[in-house]
Protein backbone atom coordinates (compact mmCIF):
# COMPACT_ATOMS: atom_id res chain seq x y z
CA MET A 1 0.00 0.00 0.00
CA ALA A 2 2.78 2.39 0.88
CA SER A 3 4.51 1.76 -2.45
CA LEU A 4 1.35 2.69 -4.38
CA ILE A 5 1.08 5.97 -2.54
CA ALA A 6 4.74 6.74 -3.33
CA THR A 7 4.25 5.87 -7.01
CA ARG A 8 1.24 8.18 -7.31
CA ALA A 9 3.25 10.96 -5.69
CA ARG A 10 6.09 10.37 -8.11
CA ILE A 11 3.72 10.56 -11.08
CA ALA A 12 2.40 13.89 -9.86
CA GLN A 13 5.97 15.13 -9.46
CA LEU A 14 6.85 14.01 -13.00
CA ASP A 15 3.77 15.70 -14.43
CA THR A 16 4.91 18.92 -12.80
CA GLU A 17 8.43 18.58 -14.26
CA ILE A 18 7.02 17.74 -17.70
CA GLU A 19 4.83 20.83 -17.62
CA LYS A 20 7.80 22.97 -16.71
CA LEU A 21 9.79 21.43 -19.59
CA ARG A 22 6.86 21.95 -21.97
CA GLN A 23 6.71 25.60 -21.02
CA LEU A 24 10.47 25.89 -21.50
CA MET A 25 10.21 24.19 -24.88
CA ASP A 26 7.45 26.58 -25.96
CA SER A 27 9.58 29.50 -24.86
CA LEU A 28 12.62 28.19 -26.77
CA LEU A 29 10.55 27.51 -29.90
CA ALA A 30 9.17 31.04 -29.78
CA GLU A 31 12.66 32.50 -29.40
CA ARG A 32 13.90 30.31 -32.26
CA GLU A 33 11.11 31.58 -34.49
CA GLN A 34 12.04 35.16 -33.64
CA CYS A 35 15.68 34.49 -34.55
CA GLN A 36 14.65 32.94 -37.85
CA GLN A 37 12.54 35.96 -38.64
CA VAL A 38 15.49 38.26 -37.94
CA LEU A 39 17.58 36.25 -40.38
CA ALA A 40 14.80 36.27 -42.94
CA ASP A 41 14.45 40.03 -42.66
CA TYR A 42 18.22 40.67 -42.77
CA LYS A 43 19.74 41.77 -46.06
CA TYR A 44 23.45 41.27 -46.68
CA PRO A 45 24.83 44.71 -47.59
CA VAL A 46 26.16 43.46 -50.92
CA LEU A 47 22.69 42.19 -51.82
CA THR A 48 21.17 45.62 -51.22
CA LEU A 49 23.27 47.19 -54.01
CA PRO A 50 21.49 48.14 -57.23
CA ALA A 51 21.88 45.57 -59.97
CA GLU A 52 23.85 48.07 -62.09
CA ILE A 53 26.53 48.44 -59.39
CA THR A 54 26.68 44.69 -58.76
CA SER A 55 27.10 44.18 -62.48
CA GLU A 56 30.01 46.63 -62.58
CA ILE A 57 31.65 44.85 -59.62
CA PHE A 58 31.34 41.60 -61.55
CA MET A 59 33.04 43.21 -64.55
CA GLN A 60 35.95 44.27 -62.34
CA PHE A 61 36.18 40.72 -61.01
CA LEU A 62 37.02 39.40 -64.47
CA PRO A 63 40.70 39.44 -65.56
CA SER A 64 41.65 42.51 -67.52
CA TYR A 65 42.22 42.43 -71.26
CA PRO A 66 44.02 40.85 -73.08
CA HIS A 67 43.56 37.88 -70.74
CA ARG A 68 40.44 35.96 -71.59
CA PRO A 69 38.83 33.66 -68.99
CA SER A 70 38.30 30.01 -69.76
CA PHE A 71 34.86 28.57 -69.21
CA VAL A 72 35.55 27.03 -65.80
CA GLU A 73 38.46 28.84 -64.13
CA PHE A 74 38.04 30.79 -60.88
CA GLN A 75 37.98 34.18 -62.61
CA SER A 76 35.17 33.09 -64.91
CA PRO A 77 31.65 34.50 -64.84
CA SER A 78 30.45 30.90 -64.43
CA PHE A 79 31.86 31.05 -60.89
CA LEU A 80 29.48 33.91 -60.03
CA LEU A 81 26.47 31.76 -60.86
CA GLN A 82 27.26 29.47 -57.92
CA ILE A 83 27.14 32.06 -55.11
CA CYS A 84 23.45 32.83 -54.70
CA ARG A 85 20.25 33.34 -56.68
CA ARG A 86 20.64 37.14 -56.68
CA TRP A 87 24.16 37.01 -58.12
CA ARG A 88 23.12 34.42 -60.66
CA ASP A 89 20.30 36.64 -61.90
CA VAL A 90 22.59 39.69 -62.18
CA ALA A 91 25.36 37.73 -63.94
CA LEU A 92 22.96 36.26 -66.48
CA ALA A 93 21.55 39.73 -67.12
CA THR A 94 25.02 41.19 -67.84
CA PRO A 95 25.94 40.28 -71.45
CA ALA A 96 29.38 41.91 -71.24
CA LEU A 97 30.46 39.25 -68.71
CA TRP A 98 30.13 36.57 -71.37
CA SER A 99 31.73 38.40 -74.29
CA THR A 100 35.35 37.47 -73.50
CA MET A 101 36.38 33.82 -73.69
CA GLU A 102 39.19 31.32 -74.17
CA LEU A 103 38.47 28.04 -75.95
CA LEU A 104 41.33 25.53 -76.21
CA LEU A 105 40.26 22.18 -77.64
CA TYR A 106 43.19 20.00 -76.64
CA ASN A 107 41.44 17.23 -74.71
CA SER A 108 39.00 15.15 -76.74
CA PRO A 109 36.82 13.90 -73.83
CA HIS A 110 35.87 17.50 -73.01
CA HIS A 111 35.18 18.76 -76.55
CA ALA A 112 31.41 18.26 -76.32
CA GLN A 113 31.20 20.07 -72.99
CA GLN A 114 33.24 22.99 -74.30
CA ARG A 115 31.14 23.18 -77.47
CA ASP A 116 28.00 23.47 -75.34
CA LEU A 117 29.58 26.10 -73.12
CA LEU A 118 30.73 28.07 -76.16
CA LYS A 119 27.23 28.20 -77.58
CA MET A 120 25.84 29.13 -74.18
CA TRP A 121 28.31 31.99 -73.70
CA LEU A 122 27.72 33.31 -77.22
CA GLN A 123 23.99 33.38 -76.49
CA ARG A 124 24.44 35.07 -73.11
CA SER A 125 26.72 37.74 -74.60
CA GLY A 126 23.81 39.15 -76.58
CA SER A 127 25.02 41.66 -79.16
CA PHE A 128 28.21 42.68 -77.31
CA ALA A 129 31.56 42.84 -79.11
CA LEU A 130 33.54 39.61 -78.66
CA SER A 131 37.11 38.98 -77.57
CA ILE A 132 38.00 35.34 -78.31
CA LEU A 133 41.01 33.04 -78.11
CA PHE A 134 40.44 29.83 -80.06
CA ASP A 135 42.90 27.04 -80.73
CA TYR A 136 42.57 23.30 -81.17
CA TYR A 137 44.41 20.05 -81.70
CA LYS A 138 42.88 17.11 -83.52
CA GLU A 139 43.84 13.96 -81.65
CA SER A 140 41.89 11.79 -84.09
CA ALA A 141 39.40 12.00 -86.95
CA ASP A 142 36.62 11.66 -84.39
CA ASP A 143 37.44 15.16 -83.14
CA GLU A 144 36.61 16.77 -86.47
CA PRO A 145 32.79 17.12 -86.13
CA LEU A 146 32.88 18.75 -82.70
CA ILE A 147 35.71 21.09 -83.66
CA GLN A 148 33.82 22.10 -86.79
CA GLU A 149 30.71 22.80 -84.70
CA CYS A 150 32.74 25.18 -82.55
CA ILE A 151 34.19 26.91 -85.59
CA GLU A 152 30.75 27.29 -87.18
CA ALA A 153 29.41 28.76 -83.93
CA LEU A 154 32.22 31.33 -83.90
CA LEU A 155 31.71 32.17 -87.57
CA ASP A 156 28.00 32.76 -86.97
CA HIS A 157 29.02 35.61 -84.67
CA ALA A 158 31.92 36.94 -86.75
CA TRP A 159 30.12 40.26 -87.19
CA ARG A 160 30.62 40.80 -83.43
CA TRP A 161 34.36 39.96 -83.36
CA GLN A 162 36.45 42.74 -81.85
CA ASP A 163 39.73 41.17 -80.65
CA ILE A 164 40.37 37.63 -81.84
CA ASP A 165 43.18 35.09 -81.62
CA ILE A 166 42.35 32.14 -83.88
CA THR A 167 44.03 29.12 -85.41
CA PHE A 168 42.16 28.06 -88.55
CA SER A 169 42.83 26.01 -91.63
CA PHE A 170 42.85 27.75 -95.02
CA GLU A 171 39.41 26.28 -95.69
CA GLU A 172 38.05 27.75 -92.47
CA LEU A 173 39.68 31.13 -93.13
CA CYS A 174 37.82 31.26 -96.45
CA LYS A 175 34.55 31.15 -94.51
CA ILE A 176 35.26 34.45 -92.74
CA THR A 177 33.16 36.80 -94.82
CA GLY A 178 30.85 39.76 -94.48
CA ALA A 179 31.08 43.10 -92.72
CA MET A 180 33.01 43.16 -89.44
CA PRO A 181 32.55 46.72 -88.19
CA LEU A 182 33.86 46.07 -84.66
CA LEU A 183 37.04 44.16 -85.51
CA ARG A 184 40.16 46.01 -84.33
CA SER A 185 42.77 43.32 -83.58
CA VAL A 186 43.48 39.86 -85.02
CA THR A 187 46.01 37.15 -84.24
CA ILE A 188 46.06 34.43 -86.87
CA GLY A 189 47.63 30.99 -86.82
CA ILE A 190 47.42 28.52 -89.69
CA GLU A 191 46.77 24.88 -88.90
CA ARG A 192 49.91 22.86 -89.58
CA GLY A 193 50.05 20.63 -92.62
CA GLU A 194 47.34 22.53 -94.47
CA GLU A 195 47.60 22.66 -98.24
CA ARG A 196 47.70 26.15 -99.71
CA PRO A 197 44.60 27.28 -101.60
CA GLU A 198 44.73 27.59 -105.36
CA THR A 199 43.55 31.20 -105.29
CA PRO A 200 44.53 33.90 -102.77
CA VAL A 201 42.31 34.26 -99.71
CA VAL A 202 41.14 37.81 -98.98
CA LEU A 203 40.56 38.36 -95.26
CA PHE A 204 38.75 41.16 -93.41
CA ALA A 205 38.09 43.19 -96.54
CA ASP A 206 35.17 44.93 -94.80
CA ALA A 207 36.70 45.59 -91.37
CA PRO A 208 37.38 49.35 -91.30
CA ALA A 209 38.42 49.42 -87.61
CA LEU A 210 41.12 46.73 -87.97
CA LYS A 211 44.49 48.21 -86.97
CA HIS A 212 46.51 45.50 -85.23
CA VAL A 213 47.62 42.22 -86.85
CA ASP A 214 49.69 39.44 -85.27
CA LEU A 215 50.70 36.61 -87.61
CA HIS A 216 51.72 33.35 -85.96
CA ALA A 217 53.67 30.57 -87.65
CA SER A 218 54.24 30.70 -91.41
CA PHE A 219 52.29 33.36 -93.25
CA ASN A 220 52.40 33.99 -96.98
CA PRO A 221 51.02 37.40 -98.03
CA PHE A 222 50.84 36.17 -101.59
CA ILE A 223 48.31 33.52 -100.44
CA LEU A 224 46.47 35.45 -97.70
CA THR A 225 45.68 39.10 -98.28
CA LEU A 226 44.74 41.50 -95.49
CA PRO A 227 43.76 45.18 -95.67
CA TRP A 228 47.40 46.22 -95.22
CA SER A 229 46.83 49.89 -96.02
CA GLN A 230 44.91 50.43 -92.77
CA ILE A 231 47.20 48.45 -90.41
CA THR A 232 49.17 50.49 -87.86
CA SER A 233 50.62 47.66 -85.74
CA LEU A 234 52.06 44.41 -87.12
CA THR A 235 53.76 41.35 -85.61
CA ALA A 236 54.88 38.44 -87.82
CA LYS A 237 56.73 35.47 -86.38
CA ALA A 238 57.90 33.74 -89.58
CA LEU A 239 58.33 35.59 -92.88
CA TYR A 240 60.70 35.10 -95.77
CA VAL A 241 62.49 38.26 -96.88
CA LYS A 242 60.35 38.61 -100.01
CA GLU A 243 57.17 38.24 -97.93
CA ALA A 244 58.30 40.90 -95.47
CA VAL A 245 59.04 43.26 -98.37
CA GLU A 246 55.62 42.58 -99.88
CA ILE A 247 53.88 43.44 -96.62
CA LEU A 248 55.99 46.55 -95.91
CA ARG A 249 55.30 47.78 -99.42
CA HIS A 250 51.58 47.94 -98.64
CA THR A 251 51.47 48.89 -94.92
CA THR A 252 51.85 52.56 -95.69
CA ILE A 253 50.64 53.87 -92.30
CA LEU A 254 52.46 51.30 -90.14
CA GLU A 255 53.65 52.73 -86.80
CA ASP A 256 54.75 49.66 -84.83
CA CYS A 257 56.32 46.57 -86.41
CA THR A 258 57.87 43.30 -85.17
CA LEU A 259 59.23 40.85 -87.76
CA ASN A 260 61.06 37.54 -87.53
CA ILE A 261 62.75 37.05 -90.92
CA TYR A 262 63.94 33.88 -92.64
CA PRO A 263 66.29 33.76 -95.66
CA ASN A 264 64.48 33.59 -98.99
CA GLU A 265 63.82 30.30 -100.66
CA PRO A 266 65.39 29.95 -104.14
CA GLY A 267 63.54 32.03 -106.68
CA PRO A 268 63.59 35.26 -108.71
CA PRO A 269 65.32 38.34 -107.25
CA THR A 270 63.37 40.40 -104.76
CA ASP A 271 62.26 43.92 -105.63
CA PHE A 272 63.27 45.97 -102.58
CA SER A 273 61.32 49.13 -103.44
CA ILE A 274 59.59 50.13 -100.17
CA PRO A 275 57.98 53.54 -99.61
CA SER A 276 58.89 55.75 -96.67
CA LEU A 277 57.07 54.45 -93.60
CA PRO A 278 55.87 56.38 -90.51
CA LEU A 279 57.24 53.69 -88.17
CA ARG A 280 58.01 54.83 -84.63
CA SER A 281 59.00 51.38 -83.35
CA LEU A 282 60.69 48.55 -85.29
CA ARG A 283 61.92 45.16 -84.08
CA LEU A 284 63.77 42.94 -86.58
CA GLN A 285 65.11 39.49 -85.77
CA CYS A 286 66.65 37.12 -88.29
CA VAL A 287 67.11 33.38 -88.28
CA GLY A 288 70.81 32.68 -88.57
CA GLY A 289 73.52 35.28 -88.91
CA GLY A 290 71.91 37.35 -91.63
CA THR A 291 72.09 37.24 -95.42
CA ASP A 292 72.70 39.74 -98.21
CA GLU A 293 68.95 39.89 -98.84
CA MET A 294 68.27 40.70 -95.21
CA ARG A 295 70.80 43.51 -95.37
CA GLN A 296 69.19 44.77 -98.58
CA LEU A 297 65.83 44.77 -96.84
CA PHE A 298 67.13 46.89 -93.99
CA ARG A 299 68.92 49.32 -96.31
CA ALA A 300 65.68 49.72 -98.29
CA LEU A 301 63.87 51.08 -95.24
CA HIS A 302 63.32 54.84 -94.95
CA LEU A 303 61.96 55.59 -91.46
CA PRO A 304 62.10 59.34 -90.69
CA ALA A 305 59.92 59.04 -87.54
CA LEU A 306 61.67 56.03 -85.97
CA GLN A 307 62.15 56.32 -82.19
CA THR A 308 62.77 52.73 -81.03
CA LEU A 309 64.81 50.13 -82.91
CA LEU A 310 65.59 46.54 -81.97
CA VAL A 311 67.59 44.83 -84.68
CA HIS A 312 69.79 41.78 -85.15
CA GLU A 313 73.23 42.85 -86.34
CA GLY A 314 72.85 40.43 -89.25
CA PHE A 315 70.66 43.08 -90.92
CA LEU A 316 73.33 45.77 -90.67
CA GLY A 317 76.14 44.37 -92.81
CA PRO A 318 79.88 45.09 -92.48
CA ASP A 319 79.37 48.77 -91.58
CA PRO A 320 76.49 48.68 -89.07
CA VAL A 321 76.92 52.28 -87.94
CA ALA A 322 76.51 53.65 -91.46
CA THR A 323 73.56 51.37 -92.09
CA LEU A 324 71.81 52.50 -88.91
CA SER A 325 72.41 56.16 -89.71
CA ALA A 326 70.85 55.79 -93.16
CA VAL A 327 67.56 54.44 -91.84
CA ARG A 328 66.69 57.78 -90.27
CA PRO A 329 68.52 60.46 -92.26
CA ASN A 330 67.53 63.32 -89.96
CA GLY A 331 68.88 61.72 -86.81
CA TYR A 332 68.83 58.35 -85.07
CA PRO A 333 66.36 56.49 -82.86
CA GLN A 334 66.13 57.44 -79.20
CA ASN A 335 66.26 53.79 -78.14
CA ILE A 336 68.52 51.28 -79.91
CA GLU A 337 69.03 47.60 -79.08
CA ILE A 338 71.47 45.53 -81.15
CA LEU A 339 71.08 41.75 -80.91
CA GLY A 340 73.73 39.20 -81.82
CA ALA A 341 76.32 41.98 -81.94
CA ARG A 342 79.92 41.29 -82.85
CA ASN A 343 80.85 44.95 -82.62
CA SER A 344 81.35 46.31 -79.13
CA ARG A 345 79.01 48.63 -77.33
CA GLN A 346 81.68 51.33 -77.50
CA VAL A 347 81.50 51.31 -81.31
CA TYR A 348 77.78 52.05 -81.24
CA GLN A 349 77.97 54.44 -78.30
CA ALA A 350 80.54 56.57 -80.11
CA ALA A 351 78.25 56.83 -83.15
CA PHE A 352 75.01 57.38 -81.21
CA PRO A 353 76.04 59.11 -77.95
CA LEU A 354 72.59 60.45 -77.10
CA ALA A 355 70.66 57.24 -77.66
CA SER A 356 69.56 54.80 -74.99
CA LEU A 357 71.71 51.91 -76.16
CA THR A 358 71.70 48.15 -75.46
CA VAL A 359 74.07 45.72 -77.15
CA VAL A 360 73.54 41.97 -76.77
CA THR A 361 76.41 39.77 -77.92
CA PRO A 362 76.14 36.15 -79.16
CA PRO A 363 75.04 33.52 -78.41
CA LEU A 364 71.48 34.69 -78.85
CA GLN A 365 68.52 32.41 -78.27
CA GLU A 366 65.89 32.44 -80.93
CA TRP A 367 63.56 35.32 -80.49
CA ASP A 368 59.97 34.68 -79.48
């Protein structure tokens, strides 16, 4: 009997404790709900910015030109899509974010993914001017269809090209047609092993803003014709002497020029008639120690406005001082750098005492 009384008392005691705990639980739940409401009502300062300012911040986040982001690197607009819904919406509504891209098709298993991303970025970029780096390597014949899809996608938007760095075959270059009003800079590489076309390819004939051209690998101006008369800046990594002369003959407003010259292949004599050029900066490197034709090329230059000259001594012949003086009859360049020099710095310093002078003696690594 006594144990029953004690049990009933214990039950009453437990009921009291449970009620206290229930009240505490209700209090904690209410406080928790208040905290959640505070969080729900809180706005992160960055999320309170107008979309226009957030968009500009995103633009500053991207690497500065001429670097172009790849599709998946950290400094890619794709990274911004992963932060939150607000940032995703702003990024997708900012076409300029998607107008600069790097597409390197070197790994076959990822070609399909990169093709899809390319098409997606081109769509997101709207009507913005495009800055594109595109290069590829065919590991097998199976790569051809996907690579061609990428090239066709780029060509569909050629009218929006502004700054491009492309490696195409001759056949693909022939497909670049139509007006390109925004194009201002091109870097061109020719796919190795490509057969030359039977008729010359005319490139960028309707690109009035094009001023800068960078020619990678072998380039034959007799096969590929550009609007030379409007070019002000030129870089060419591999030209024969006769090809360099042909280009210089037509780039009549050229101001900045970098040429890597090879000796001519056997053939008819070269006509070295070149008009006076308004060049302010000239860099000439030759493969080997220089040839008579290379020296003729240099002596044919008349550059009254030249301020900076970098030249391999192979272009200057047995009397380099006289040759240098003849290039700019009214004086000499302010900055002179002689590569592969066999004459001492003192020889040049005595002739050009007021110039900023650098003389590099052999051996000289091939210029890049």
